[in-house]
Amino acid sequence: MTDFETIGRILLVGGVLLAVVGLLVIGAGRLGLPIGRLPGDINIQRGGLTVFIPLVSCLLASLVLTVVVNLVLWILRRTP
């Protein structure tokens, strides 16, 4: 397999994973899950300025993605 084929496969898998994550976020919003409105997310509104810093949401997303990526890598290492 050439380097271009490897890069192409990585890009395709990354795109599919990104699409799946996007669908999960859309589904979570429709189910009423408080993604982006968790305790610890900072929302400052003053006059015409709004600043939103999703600290806890980012930490939760990082934790979930870390677990998923590690599971995928573990499964790929087990297959011959």
C-alpha atoms as a PDB file:
ATOM      1  CA  MET A   1       0.000   0.000   0.000  1.00  0.00           C
ATOM      2  CA  THR A   2       1.409   3.399  -0.950  1.00  0.00           C
ATOM      3  CA  ASP A   3       1.577   6.433   1.282  1.00  0.00           C
ATOM      4  CA  PHE A   4      -1.219   8.125  -0.669  1.00  0.00           C
ATOM      5  CA  GLU A   5      -3.543   5.177  -0.110  1.00  0.00           C
ATOM      6  CA  THR A   6      -2.797   5.253   3.605  1.00  0.00           C
ATOM      7  CA  ILE A   7      -3.420   8.996   3.841  1.00  0.00           C
ATOM      8  CA  GLY A   8      -6.634   8.599   1.827  1.00  0.00           C
ATOM      9  CA  ARG A   9      -7.925   5.895   4.153  1.00  0.00           C
ATOM     10  CA  ILE A  10      -7.074   7.962   7.231  1.00  0.00           C
ATOM     11  CA  LEU A  11      -8.941  10.951   5.766  1.00  0.00           C
ATOM     12  CA  LEU A  12     -11.975   8.816   4.915  1.00  0.00           C
ATOM     13  CA  VAL A  13     -12.124   7.250   8.386  1.00  0.00           C
ATOM     14  CA  GLY A  14     -11.665  10.668   9.996  1.00  0.00           C
ATOM     15  CA  GLY A  15     -14.477  12.114   7.892  1.00  0.00           C
ATOM     16  CA  VAL A  16     -16.831   9.267   8.754  1.00  0.00           C
ATOM     17  CA  LEU A  17     -16.012   9.622  12.460  1.00  0.00           C
ATOM     18  CA  LEU A  18     -16.607  13.370  12.278  1.00  0.00           C
ATOM     19  CA  ALA A  19     -19.973  12.799  10.594  1.00  0.00           C
ATOM     20  CA  VAL A  20     -20.963  10.274  13.272  1.00  0.00           C
ATOM     21  CA  VAL A  21     -20.005  12.696  16.052  1.00  0.00           C
ATOM     22  CA  GLY A  22     -22.029  15.420  14.326  1.00  0.00           C
ATOM     23  CA  LEU A  23     -25.069  13.156  14.144  1.00  0.00           C
ATOM     24  CA  LEU A  24     -24.681  12.273  17.827  1.00  0.00           C
ATOM     25  CA  VAL A  25     -24.551  15.952  18.783  1.00  0.00           C
ATOM     26  CA  ILE A  26     -27.648  16.702  16.688  1.00  0.00           C
ATOM     27  CA  GLY A  27     -29.437  13.731  18.242  1.00  0.00           C
ATOM     28  CA  ALA A  28     -28.434  14.806  21.750  1.00  0.00           C
ATOM     29  CA  GLY A  29     -29.850  18.269  21.098  1.00  0.00           C
ATOM     30  CA  ARG A  30     -33.150  16.864  19.865  1.00  0.00           C
ATOM     31  CA  LEU A  31     -33.403  14.548  22.882  1.00  0.00           C
ATOM     32  CA  GLY A  32     -32.990  17.515  25.205  1.00  0.00           C
ATOM     33  CA  LEU A  33     -29.589  16.539  26.602  1.00  0.00           C
ATOM     34  CA  PRO A  34     -27.852  19.629  27.995  1.00  0.00           C
ATOM     35  CA  ILE A  35     -24.759  19.521  25.769  1.00  0.00           C
ATOM     36  CA  GLY A  36     -23.274  23.013  25.966  1.00  0.00           C
ATOM     37  CA  ARG A  37     -25.386  23.929  28.975  1.00  0.00           C
ATOM     38  CA  LEU A  38     -23.712  21.788  31.631  1.00  0.00           C
ATOM     39  CA  PRO A  39     -22.826  23.113  35.080  1.00  0.00           C
ATOM     40  CA  GLY A  40     -19.367  24.625  34.687  1.00  0.00           C
ATOM     41  CA  ASP A  41     -19.964  26.010  31.197  1.00  0.00           C
ATOM     42  CA  ILE A  42     -19.450  29.765  31.377  1.00  0.00           C
ATOM     43  CA  ASN A  43     -21.943  32.093  29.695  1.00  0.00           C
ATOM     44  CA  ILE A  44     -21.430  35.854  30.128  1.00  0.00           C
ATOM     45  CA  GLN A  45     -23.934  38.319  28.651  1.00  0.00           C
ATOM     46  CA  ARG A  46     -23.312  42.064  28.963  1.00  0.00           C
ATOM     47  CA  GLY A  47     -25.134  44.481  26.717  1.00  0.00           C
ATOM     48  CA  GLY A  48     -24.635  43.399  23.130  1.00  0.00           C
ATOM     49  CA  LEU A  49     -21.745  41.049  23.941  1.00  0.00           C
ATOM     50  CA  THR A  50     -22.109  37.343  24.689  1.00  0.00           C
ATOM     51  CA  VAL A  51     -19.137  35.160  25.667  1.00  0.00           C
ATOM     52  CA  PHE A  52     -19.624  31.403  25.942  1.00  0.00           C
ATOM     53  CA  ILE A  53     -16.856  29.125  27.245  1.00  0.00           C
ATOM     54  CA  PRO A  54     -17.959  25.456  27.315  1.00  0.00           C
ATOM     55  CA  LEU A  55     -15.365  24.129  29.794  1.00  0.00           C
ATOM     56  CA  VAL A  56     -17.225  21.084  31.112  1.00  0.00           C
ATOM     57  CA  SER A  57     -18.725  20.214  27.726  1.00  0.00           C
ATOM     58  CA  CYS A  58     -15.229  20.186  26.189  1.00  0.00           C
ATOM     59  CA  LEU A  59     -13.873  18.023  29.012  1.00  0.00           C
ATOM     60  CA  LEU A  60     -16.758  15.574  28.610  1.00  0.00           C
ATOM     61  CA  ALA A  61     -16.299  15.434  24.819  1.00  0.00           C
ATOM     62  CA  SER A  62     -12.568  14.865  25.276  1.00  0.00           C
ATOM     63  CA  LEU A  63     -13.188  12.019  27.705  1.00  0.00           C
ATOM     64  CA  VAL A  64     -15.718  10.319  25.426  1.00  0.00           C
ATOM     65  CA  LEU A  65     -13.538  10.685  22.323  1.00  0.00           C
ATOM     66  CA  THR A  66     -10.490   9.369  24.195  1.00  0.00           C
ATOM     67  CA  VAL A  67     -12.386   6.253  25.236  1.00  0.00           C
ATOM     68  CA  VAL A  68     -13.753   5.694  21.722  1.00  0.00           C
ATOM     69  CA  VAL A  69     -10.375   6.154  20.012  1.00  0.00           C
ATOM     70  CA  ASN A  70      -8.651   3.844  22.496  1.00  0.00           C
ATOM     71  CA  LEU A  71     -11.321   1.171  21.955  1.00  0.00           C
ATOM     72  CA  VAL A  72     -10.961   1.417  18.173  1.00  0.00           C
ATOM     73  CA  LEU A  73      -7.168   1.187  18.392  1.00  0.00           C
ATOM     74  CA  TRP A  74      -7.417  -1.769  20.774  1.00  0.00           C
ATOM     75  CA  ILE A  75      -9.768  -3.579  18.372  1.00  0.00           C
ATOM     76  CA  LEU A  76      -7.513  -2.849  15.392  1.00  0.00           C
ATOM     77  CA  ARG A  77      -4.457  -4.189  17.240  1.00  0.00           C
ATOM     78  CA  ARG A  78      -6.253  -7.447  18.066  1.00  0.00           C
ATOM     79  CA  THR A  79      -7.170  -8.289  14.475  1.00  0.00           C
ATOM     80  CA  PRO A  80      -4.455 -10.137  12.560  1.00  0.00           C
END
